[in-house]
Amino acid sequence: MTDAGIQTVEDVRCNPQRLVAFSPAVDAERKQNKNFLYENLYFSPSLADEKDDAEQVITELFAYWTAHPESLPHQYQDKAKEEGLPRVICDYIAGMTDHFIYEQYEKHFG
């Protein structure tokens, strides 16, 4: 890293060249795994209904908390003052388990 003049995290972010990479063998395996997940999970026809349902739940909860930020836990309300409400709602949703997000959906939408 010193050869590239890297002293800070910002230097890493601004560097125009990739500083670290997987070996060719590991990168090939990563690509193979990624393709498998896209074909068999992310875009699987058999999971399309569940994916659509999950997208609806996330979309509706995001809209709800945007309109009713007072319904968020207090620590997220405080955090929203510093980081912005949309970012905090995204972080809140991203940290939820499937069970918890459906519990929240049921709580707010019956």
N, C-alpha and C. Protein backbone atom coordinates (compact mmCIF):
# COMPACT_ATOMS: atom_id res chain seq x y z
N MET A 1 0.82 -1.19 0.00
CA MET A 1 0.00 0.00 0.00
C MET A 1 0.86 1.26 0.00
N THR A 2 2.01 1.19 0.63
CA THR A 2 2.85 2.37 0.64
C THR A 2 3.38 2.70 -0.75
N ASP A 3 3.51 1.66 -1.61
CA ASP A 3 3.94 1.91 -3.00
C ASP A 3 2.92 2.78 -3.73
N ALA A 4 1.66 2.67 -3.35
CA ALA A 4 0.60 3.44 -3.99
C ALA A 4 0.39 4.78 -3.30
N GLY A 5 1.18 5.07 -2.27
CA GLY A 5 1.04 6.34 -1.55
C GLY A 5 -0.16 6.37 -0.63
N ILE A 6 -0.61 5.21 -0.16
CA ILE A 6 -1.79 5.13 0.70
C ILE A 6 -1.39 5.41 2.14
N GLN A 7 -2.04 6.42 2.70
CA GLN A 7 -1.80 6.78 4.10
C GLN A 7 -3.08 6.75 4.92
N THR A 8 -4.21 6.98 4.23
CA THR A 8 -5.49 7.09 4.95
C THR A 8 -6.56 6.28 4.22
N VAL A 9 -7.69 6.11 4.88
CA VAL A 9 -8.83 5.45 4.27
C VAL A 9 -9.29 6.24 3.05
N GLU A 10 -9.26 7.54 3.14
CA GLU A 10 -9.66 8.39 2.01
C GLU A 10 -8.75 8.17 0.81
N ASP A 11 -7.46 7.93 1.05
CA ASP A 11 -6.54 7.61 -0.05
C ASP A 11 -6.98 6.33 -0.76
N VAL A 12 -7.44 5.35 0.00
CA VAL A 12 -7.92 4.10 -0.59
C VAL A 12 -9.14 4.37 -1.45
N ARG A 13 -10.08 5.14 -0.92
CA ARG A 13 -11.31 5.44 -1.66
C ARG A 13 -11.04 6.20 -2.95
N CYS A 14 -10.08 7.07 -2.94
CA CYS A 14 -9.80 7.93 -4.10
C CYS A 14 -8.82 7.33 -5.09
N ASN A 15 -8.19 6.23 -4.74
CA ASN A 15 -7.20 5.64 -5.63
C ASN A 15 -7.88 5.14 -6.90
N PRO A 16 -7.36 5.50 -8.07
CA PRO A 16 -8.01 5.12 -9.33
C PRO A 16 -7.82 3.65 -9.70
N GLN A 17 -6.89 2.97 -9.05
CA GLN A 17 -6.63 1.57 -9.38
C GLN A 17 -7.07 0.68 -8.22
N ARG A 18 -7.45 -0.54 -8.56
CA ARG A 18 -7.81 -1.53 -7.55
C ARG A 18 -6.55 -1.90 -6.77
N LEU A 19 -6.63 -1.84 -5.46
CA LEU A 19 -5.46 -2.10 -4.63
C LEU A 19 -5.37 -3.55 -4.16
N VAL A 20 -6.51 -4.21 -4.05
CA VAL A 20 -6.56 -5.59 -3.57
C VAL A 20 -7.56 -6.34 -4.44
N ALA A 21 -7.25 -7.59 -4.74
CA ALA A 21 -8.17 -8.39 -5.54
C ALA A 21 -8.04 -9.86 -5.15
N PHE A 22 -9.07 -10.63 -5.50
CA PHE A 22 -9.01 -12.07 -5.31
C PHE A 22 -8.04 -12.67 -6.31
N SER A 23 -7.52 -13.83 -5.96
CA SER A 23 -6.71 -14.58 -6.93
C SER A 23 -7.64 -15.03 -8.06
N PRO A 24 -7.09 -15.34 -9.23
CA PRO A 24 -7.95 -15.79 -10.34
C PRO A 24 -8.82 -17.00 -9.96
N ALA A 25 -8.27 -17.95 -9.23
CA ALA A 25 -9.04 -19.15 -8.85
C ALA A 25 -10.19 -18.79 -7.91
N VAL A 26 -9.93 -17.95 -6.93
CA VAL A 26 -10.97 -17.55 -5.98
C VAL A 26 -12.02 -16.68 -6.68
N ASP A 27 -11.59 -15.82 -7.58
CA ASP A 27 -12.53 -14.97 -8.30
C ASP A 27 -13.44 -15.81 -9.20
N ALA A 28 -12.90 -16.84 -9.82
CA ALA A 28 -13.71 -17.73 -10.66
C ALA A 28 -14.76 -18.44 -9.80
N GLU A 29 -14.35 -18.89 -8.63
CA GLU A 29 -15.30 -19.56 -7.72
C GLU A 29 -16.36 -18.57 -7.23
N ARG A 30 -15.97 -17.34 -6.94
CA ARG A 30 -16.91 -16.31 -6.51
C ARG A 30 -17.95 -16.06 -7.61
N LYS A 31 -17.49 -15.96 -8.85
CA LYS A 31 -18.41 -15.74 -9.98
C LYS A 31 -19.36 -16.92 -10.15
N GLN A 32 -18.85 -18.12 -9.98
CA GLN A 32 -19.68 -19.32 -10.09
C GLN A 32 -20.76 -19.32 -9.01
N ASN A 33 -20.38 -19.00 -7.79
CA ASN A 33 -21.34 -18.93 -6.69
C ASN A 33 -22.38 -17.84 -6.93
N LYS A 34 -21.93 -16.70 -7.41
CA LYS A 34 -22.83 -15.59 -7.70
C LYS A 34 -23.85 -15.98 -8.78
N ASN A 35 -23.38 -16.60 -9.84
CA ASN A 35 -24.29 -17.05 -10.90
C ASN A 35 -25.31 -18.05 -10.37
N PHE A 36 -24.86 -18.97 -9.53
CA PHE A 36 -25.76 -19.96 -8.93
C PHE A 36 -26.85 -19.26 -8.13
N LEU A 37 -26.46 -18.29 -7.31
CA LEU A 37 -27.44 -17.59 -6.48
C LEU A 37 -28.44 -16.82 -7.33
N TYR A 38 -27.98 -16.16 -8.38
CA TYR A 38 -28.90 -15.43 -9.24
C TYR A 38 -29.90 -16.37 -9.92
N GLU A 39 -29.41 -17.50 -10.41
CA GLU A 39 -30.29 -18.43 -11.12
C GLU A 39 -31.24 -19.18 -10.20
N ASN A 40 -30.76 -19.54 -9.01
CA ASN A 40 -31.53 -20.44 -8.14
C ASN A 40 -32.19 -19.76 -6.94
N LEU A 41 -31.87 -18.49 -6.72
CA LEU A 41 -32.47 -17.82 -5.57
C LEU A 41 -33.04 -16.47 -5.95
N TYR A 42 -32.21 -15.55 -6.37
CA TYR A 42 -32.65 -14.18 -6.61
C TYR A 42 -33.70 -14.08 -7.71
N PHE A 43 -33.55 -14.84 -8.79
CA PHE A 43 -34.49 -14.78 -9.91
C PHE A 43 -35.19 -16.12 -10.16
N SER A 44 -35.31 -16.91 -9.14
CA SER A 44 -35.96 -18.21 -9.26
C SER A 44 -37.46 -18.04 -9.45
N PRO A 45 -38.02 -18.62 -10.51
CA PRO A 45 -39.47 -18.52 -10.72
C PRO A 45 -40.26 -19.10 -9.54
N SER A 46 -39.73 -20.14 -8.92
CA SER A 46 -40.47 -20.76 -7.81
C SER A 46 -40.51 -19.88 -6.57
N LEU A 47 -39.63 -18.89 -6.50
CA LEU A 47 -39.62 -17.99 -5.34
C LEU A 47 -40.18 -16.60 -5.66
N ALA A 48 -40.68 -16.42 -6.88
CA ALA A 48 -41.14 -15.10 -7.32
C ALA A 48 -42.24 -14.54 -6.43
N ASP A 49 -43.21 -15.38 -6.03
CA ASP A 49 -44.30 -14.88 -5.18
C ASP A 49 -43.79 -14.40 -3.83
N GLU A 50 -42.87 -15.15 -3.23
CA GLU A 50 -42.31 -14.75 -1.95
C GLU A 50 -41.50 -13.46 -2.08
N LYS A 51 -40.77 -13.33 -3.18
CA LYS A 51 -39.99 -12.12 -3.42
C LYS A 51 -40.91 -10.92 -3.57
N ASP A 52 -41.98 -11.08 -4.33
CA ASP A 52 -42.95 -9.99 -4.51
C ASP A 52 -43.58 -9.59 -3.18
N ASP A 53 -43.91 -10.58 -2.36
CA ASP A 53 -44.50 -10.32 -1.05
C ASP A 53 -43.51 -9.55 -0.17
N ALA A 54 -42.26 -9.98 -0.16
CA ALA A 54 -41.24 -9.31 0.65
C ALA A 54 -41.03 -7.88 0.19
N GLU A 55 -41.01 -7.66 -1.12
CA GLU A 55 -40.85 -6.30 -1.65
C GLU A 55 -42.01 -5.40 -1.22
N GLN A 56 -43.22 -5.95 -1.23
CA GLN A 56 -44.39 -5.18 -0.81
C GLN A 56 -44.30 -4.81 0.67
N VAL A 57 -43.91 -5.76 1.49
CA VAL A 57 -43.78 -5.52 2.93
C VAL A 57 -42.74 -4.43 3.19
N ILE A 58 -41.59 -4.53 2.56
CA ILE A 58 -40.53 -3.54 2.75
C ILE A 58 -40.97 -2.17 2.26
N THR A 59 -41.59 -2.12 1.10
CA THR A 59 -42.04 -0.85 0.53
C THR A 59 -43.06 -0.18 1.42
N GLU A 60 -44.03 -0.95 1.90
CA GLU A 60 -45.09 -0.38 2.73
C GLU A 60 -44.56 0.06 4.10
N LEU A 61 -43.66 -0.73 4.69
CA LEU A 61 -43.09 -0.32 5.97
C LEU A 61 -42.22 0.92 5.82
N PHE A 62 -41.44 0.99 4.75
CA PHE A 62 -40.62 2.17 4.51
C PHE A 62 -41.51 3.41 4.39
N ALA A 63 -42.57 3.31 3.62
CA ALA A 63 -43.50 4.44 3.46
C ALA A 63 -44.16 4.80 4.78
N TYR A 64 -44.52 3.80 5.55
CA TYR A 64 -45.16 4.05 6.85
C TYR A 64 -44.23 4.82 7.78
N TRP A 65 -42.99 4.33 7.91
CA TRP A 65 -42.06 4.99 8.83
C TRP A 65 -41.62 6.35 8.32
N THR A 66 -41.63 6.54 7.02
CA THR A 66 -41.34 7.87 6.48
C THR A 66 -42.43 8.84 6.90
N ALA A 67 -43.68 8.40 6.86
CA ALA A 67 -44.81 9.25 7.24
C ALA A 67 -45.01 9.33 8.75
N HIS A 68 -44.53 8.33 9.48
CA HIS A 68 -44.72 8.26 10.94
C HIS A 68 -43.41 7.93 11.65
N PRO A 69 -42.42 8.80 11.57
CA PRO A 69 -41.13 8.49 12.19
C PRO A 69 -41.21 8.30 13.70
N GLU A 70 -42.25 8.82 14.30
CA GLU A 70 -42.42 8.64 15.74
C GLU A 70 -42.69 7.18 16.10
N SER A 71 -43.03 6.35 15.10
CA SER A 71 -43.27 4.93 15.33
C SER A 71 -41.99 4.11 15.35
N LEU A 72 -40.89 4.72 14.96
CA LEU A 72 -39.60 4.04 15.03
C LEU A 72 -39.13 3.96 16.47
N PRO A 73 -38.30 2.97 16.80
CA PRO A 73 -37.70 2.96 18.15
C PRO A 73 -36.94 4.26 18.40
N HIS A 74 -36.90 4.69 19.64
CA HIS A 74 -36.32 5.99 19.99
C HIS A 74 -34.88 6.16 19.50
N GLN A 75 -34.07 5.11 19.59
CA GLN A 75 -32.68 5.26 19.15
C GLN A 75 -32.60 5.55 17.65
N TYR A 76 -33.55 5.04 16.87
CA TYR A 76 -33.57 5.32 15.44
C TYR A 76 -34.11 6.72 15.16
N GLN A 77 -35.03 7.18 15.98
CA GLN A 77 -35.52 8.55 15.84
C GLN A 77 -34.37 9.53 16.08
N ASP A 78 -33.59 9.27 17.11
CA ASP A 78 -32.44 10.14 17.42
C ASP A 78 -31.40 10.09 16.29
N LYS A 79 -31.14 8.89 15.80
CA LYS A 79 -30.16 8.72 14.73
C LYS A 79 -30.61 9.43 13.45
N ALA A 80 -31.92 9.46 13.21
CA ALA A 80 -32.45 10.09 12.00
C ALA A 80 -32.18 11.59 11.97
N LYS A 81 -32.05 12.20 13.13
CA LYS A 81 -31.75 13.63 13.20
C LYS A 81 -30.35 13.91 12.67
N GLU A 82 -29.46 12.95 12.80
CA GLU A 82 -28.08 13.12 12.35
C GLU A 82 -27.85 12.59 10.94
N GLU A 83 -28.45 11.45 10.63
CA GLU A 83 -28.13 10.76 9.38
C GLU A 83 -29.23 10.87 8.31
N GLY A 84 -30.37 11.39 8.67
CA GLY A 84 -31.48 11.47 7.72
C GLY A 84 -32.41 10.28 7.86
N LEU A 85 -33.70 10.57 7.79
CA LEU A 85 -34.71 9.54 8.00
C LEU A 85 -34.65 8.39 7.00
N PRO A 86 -34.56 8.63 5.70
CA PRO A 86 -34.53 7.48 4.77
C PRO A 86 -33.37 6.51 5.02
N ARG A 87 -32.18 7.05 5.30
CA ARG A 87 -31.02 6.20 5.57
C ARG A 87 -31.25 5.35 6.82
N VAL A 88 -31.81 5.96 7.85
CA VAL A 88 -32.02 5.24 9.11
C VAL A 88 -33.10 4.17 8.95
N ILE A 89 -34.14 4.47 8.22
CA ILE A 89 -35.18 3.46 7.97
C ILE A 89 -34.59 2.29 7.19
N CYS A 90 -33.78 2.57 6.20
CA CYS A 90 -33.12 1.50 5.44
C CYS A 90 -32.27 0.63 6.35
N ASP A 91 -31.49 1.26 7.21
CA ASP A 91 -30.65 0.51 8.14
C ASP A 91 -31.48 -0.33 9.10
N TYR A 92 -32.57 0.24 9.58
CA TYR A 92 -33.46 -0.47 10.50
C TYR A 92 -34.03 -1.71 9.82
N ILE A 93 -34.56 -1.54 8.61
CA ILE A 93 -35.14 -2.67 7.89
C ILE A 93 -34.06 -3.71 7.56
N ALA A 94 -32.89 -3.27 7.15
CA ALA A 94 -31.82 -4.19 6.77
C ALA A 94 -31.39 -5.08 7.94
N GLY A 95 -31.54 -4.59 9.15
CA GLY A 95 -31.13 -5.37 10.32
C GLY A 95 -32.20 -6.30 10.85
N MET A 96 -33.36 -6.33 10.22
CA MET A 96 -34.46 -7.15 10.71
C MET A 96 -34.38 -8.59 10.22
N THR A 97 -34.82 -9.50 11.07
CA THR A 97 -35.01 -10.88 10.64
C THR A 97 -36.33 -10.95 9.87
N ASP A 98 -36.53 -12.03 9.14
CA ASP A 98 -37.80 -12.21 8.43
C ASP A 98 -38.96 -12.19 9.42
N HIS A 99 -38.82 -12.91 10.51
CA HIS A 99 -39.90 -12.98 11.50
C HIS A 99 -40.24 -11.59 12.03
N PHE A 100 -39.22 -10.82 12.36
CA PHE A 100 -39.45 -9.50 12.95
C PHE A 100 -40.10 -8.54 11.96
N ILE A 101 -39.68 -8.56 10.69
CA ILE A 101 -40.27 -7.62 9.72
C ILE A 101 -41.74 -7.95 9.49
N TYR A 102 -42.09 -9.23 9.46
CA TYR A 102 -43.50 -9.58 9.30
C TYR A 102 -44.30 -9.25 10.57
N GLU A 103 -43.65 -9.34 11.70
CA GLU A 103 -44.29 -8.93 12.96
C GLU A 103 -44.59 -7.42 12.93
N GLN A 104 -43.63 -6.64 12.44
CA GLN A 104 -43.82 -5.19 12.32
C GLN A 104 -44.92 -4.86 11.30
N TYR A 105 -44.94 -5.60 10.23
CA TYR A 105 -45.96 -5.38 9.21
C TYR A 105 -47.36 -5.65 9.78
N GLU A 106 -47.47 -6.72 10.50
CA GLU A 106 -48.75 -7.07 11.13
C GLU A 106 -49.15 -6.00 12.15
N LYS A 107 -48.19 -5.53 12.90
CA LYS A 107 -48.45 -4.48 13.91
C LYS A 107 -48.99 -3.20 13.28
N HIS A 108 -48.41 -2.79 12.16
CA HIS A 108 -48.78 -1.50 11.56
C HIS A 108 -49.88 -1.59 10.51
N PHE A 109 -50.08 -2.78 9.94
CA PHE A 109 -51.07 -2.90 8.87
C PHE A 109 -52.15 -3.94 9.13
N GLY A 110 -52.02 -4.64 10.28
CA GLY A 110 -53.05 -5.61 10.62
C GLY A 110 -53.07 -6.76 9.70
